[in-house]
C-alpha atoms as a PDB file:
ATOM      1  CA  MET A   1      -3.986 -14.460 -12.369  1.00  0.00           C
ATOM      2  CA  ALA A   2      -2.836 -14.571  -8.746  1.00  0.00           C
ATOM      3  CA  GLN A   3       0.503 -16.141  -8.007  1.00  0.00           C
ATOM      4  CA  THR A   4       1.322 -18.061  -4.856  1.00  0.00           C
ATOM      5  CA  ILE A   5       4.533 -17.637  -2.911  1.00  0.00           C
ATOM      6  CA  GLN A   6       5.789 -19.220   0.264  1.00  0.00           C
ATOM      7  CA  ALA A   7       6.718 -17.094   3.261  1.00  0.00           C
ATOM      8  CA  PRO A   8       8.126 -18.018   6.654  1.00  0.00           C
ATOM      9  CA  PHE A   9       5.458 -18.411   9.342  1.00  0.00           C
ATOM     10  CA  ASP A  10       7.254 -15.844  11.522  1.00  0.00           C
ATOM     11  CA  TYR A  11       7.031 -13.280   8.737  1.00  0.00           C
ATOM     12  CA  ILE A  12       3.260 -13.707   8.466  1.00  0.00           C
ATOM     13  CA  GLU A  13       2.960 -13.439  12.263  1.00  0.00           C
ATOM     14  CA  GLU A  14       4.901 -10.166  12.172  1.00  0.00           C
ATOM     15  CA  LEU A  15       2.537  -8.829   9.520  1.00  0.00           C
ATOM     16  CA  ALA A  16      -0.451  -9.889  11.634  1.00  0.00           C
ATOM     17  CA  ASN A  17       0.942  -7.844  14.545  1.00  0.00           C
ATOM     18  CA  LEU A  18       2.042  -4.815  12.524  1.00  0.00           C
ATOM     19  CA  ALA A  19       1.149  -1.529  14.227  1.00  0.00           C
ATOM     20  CA  PHE A  20       2.192   2.092  14.468  1.00  0.00           C
ATOM     21  CA  PRO A  21       4.900   2.922  16.983  1.00  0.00           C
ATOM     22  CA  SER A  22       3.391   4.348  20.179  1.00  0.00           C
ATOM     23  CA  ALA A  23       4.528   7.907  19.332  1.00  0.00           C
ATOM     24  CA  THR A  24       2.777   7.743  15.951  1.00  0.00           C
ATOM     25  CA  GLN A  25      -0.348   6.257  17.532  1.00  0.00           C
ATOM     26  CA  GLY A  26      -0.331   9.111  20.047  1.00  0.00           C
ATOM     27  CA  LYS A  27       0.022  11.686  17.261  1.00  0.00           C
ATOM     28  CA  LEU A  28      -2.883  10.098  15.394  1.00  0.00           C
ATOM     29  CA  ARG A  29      -5.038  10.156  18.526  1.00  0.00           C
ATOM     30  CA  ASP A  30      -4.137  13.817  19.165  1.00  0.00           C
ATOM     31  CA  LEU A  31      -4.919  14.828  15.587  1.00  0.00           C
ATOM     32  CA  MET A  32      -8.248  12.969  15.708  1.00  0.00           C
ATOM     33  CA  ASP A  33      -9.213  14.675  18.979  1.00  0.00           C
ATOM     34  CA  ARG A  34      -8.254  18.089  17.663  1.00  0.00           C
ATOM     35  CA  ASN A  35     -10.113  17.402  14.423  1.00  0.00           C
ATOM     36  CA  ASN A  36     -13.248  16.684  16.459  1.00  0.00           C
ATOM     37  CA  GLU A  37     -12.722  20.015  18.225  1.00  0.00           C
ATOM     38  CA  GLY A  38     -12.248  21.793  14.893  1.00  0.00           C
ATOM     39  CA  THR A  39      -8.781  23.108  15.769  1.00  0.00           C
ATOM     40  CA  LEU A  40      -6.593  21.519  13.061  1.00  0.00           C
ATOM     41  CA  SER A  41      -4.502  23.567  10.657  1.00  0.00           C
ATOM     42  CA  GLU A  42      -4.548  22.623   6.981  1.00  0.00           C
ATOM     43  CA  ASP A  43      -1.140  20.908   7.306  1.00  0.00           C
ATOM     44  CA  GLU A  44      -2.379  18.933  10.322  1.00  0.00           C
ATOM     45  CA  ARG A  45      -5.493  17.929   8.401  1.00  0.00           C
ATOM     46  CA  ARG A  46      -3.280  16.525   5.627  1.00  0.00           C
ATOM     47  CA  ASP A  47      -1.162  14.698   8.224  1.00  0.00           C
ATOM     48  CA  LEU A  48      -4.314  13.227   9.753  1.00  0.00           C
ATOM     49  CA  GLN A  49      -5.604  12.081   6.370  1.00  0.00           C
ATOM     50  CA  ALA A  50      -2.280  10.411   5.551  1.00  0.00           C
ATOM     51  CA  LEU A  51      -2.146   8.629   8.919  1.00  0.00           C
ATOM     52  CA  VAL A  52      -5.754   7.456   8.606  1.00  0.00           C
ATOM     53  CA  GLU A  53      -5.085   6.063   5.117  1.00  0.00           C
ATOM     54  CA  LEU A  54      -1.954   4.292   6.345  1.00  0.00           C
ATOM     55  CA  SER A  55      -3.845   2.935   9.363  1.00  0.00           C
ATOM     56  CA  GLU A  56      -6.524   1.506   7.066  1.00  0.00           C
ATOM     57  CA  ARG A  57      -3.887  -0.176   4.900  1.00  0.00           C
ATOM     58  CA  LEU A  58      -2.197  -1.639   7.971  1.00  0.00           C
ATOM     59  CA  ALA A  59      -5.554  -3.009   9.130  1.00  0.00           C
ATOM     60  CA  LEU A  60      -6.036  -4.742   5.771  1.00  0.00           C
ATOM     61  CA  ILE A  61      -2.528  -6.217   5.877  1.00  0.00           C
ATOM     62  CA  ARG A  62      -3.075  -7.459   9.447  1.00  0.00           C
ATOM     63  CA  GLY A  63      -6.418  -8.963   8.507  1.00  0.00           C
ATOM     64  CA  ARG A  64      -5.044 -10.797   5.498  1.00  0.00           C
ATOM     65  CA  ALA A  65      -2.102 -12.097   7.507  1.00  0.00           C
ATOM     66  CA  LYS A  66      -4.443 -13.369  10.238  1.00  0.00           C
ATOM     67  CA  LEU A  67      -6.499 -15.180   7.610  1.00  0.00           C
ATOM     68  CA  LEU A  68      -3.341 -16.829   6.286  1.00  0.00           C
ATOM     69  CA  LEU A  69      -2.398 -17.925   9.796  1.00  0.00           C
ATOM     70  CA  GLN A  70      -5.819 -19.567  10.204  1.00  0.00           C
ATOM     71  CA  SER A  71      -5.800 -21.322   6.831  1.00  0.00           C
ATOM     72  CA  PRO A  72      -5.473 -25.122   6.823  1.00  0.00           C
ATOM     73  CA  GLY A  73      -2.297 -25.138   4.716  1.00  0.00           C
ATOM     74  CA  LYS A  74      -0.229 -23.042   7.093  1.00  0.00           C
END
């Protein structure tokens, strides 16, 4: 059974705008480019996988927060 909690509007807005810092985004972009070129080491491949998984989770959190911000009971 899902429980409901209240959260400040500003908190939900922050979740909706959650993103990697620019340095981390740059590292992800670099690893993705180098992966496409086939030049990643095994450690870099693990780093890329971890960043991609985290990026996907952040996207889900942002999406859910945006839905909450659009809901009638906000």
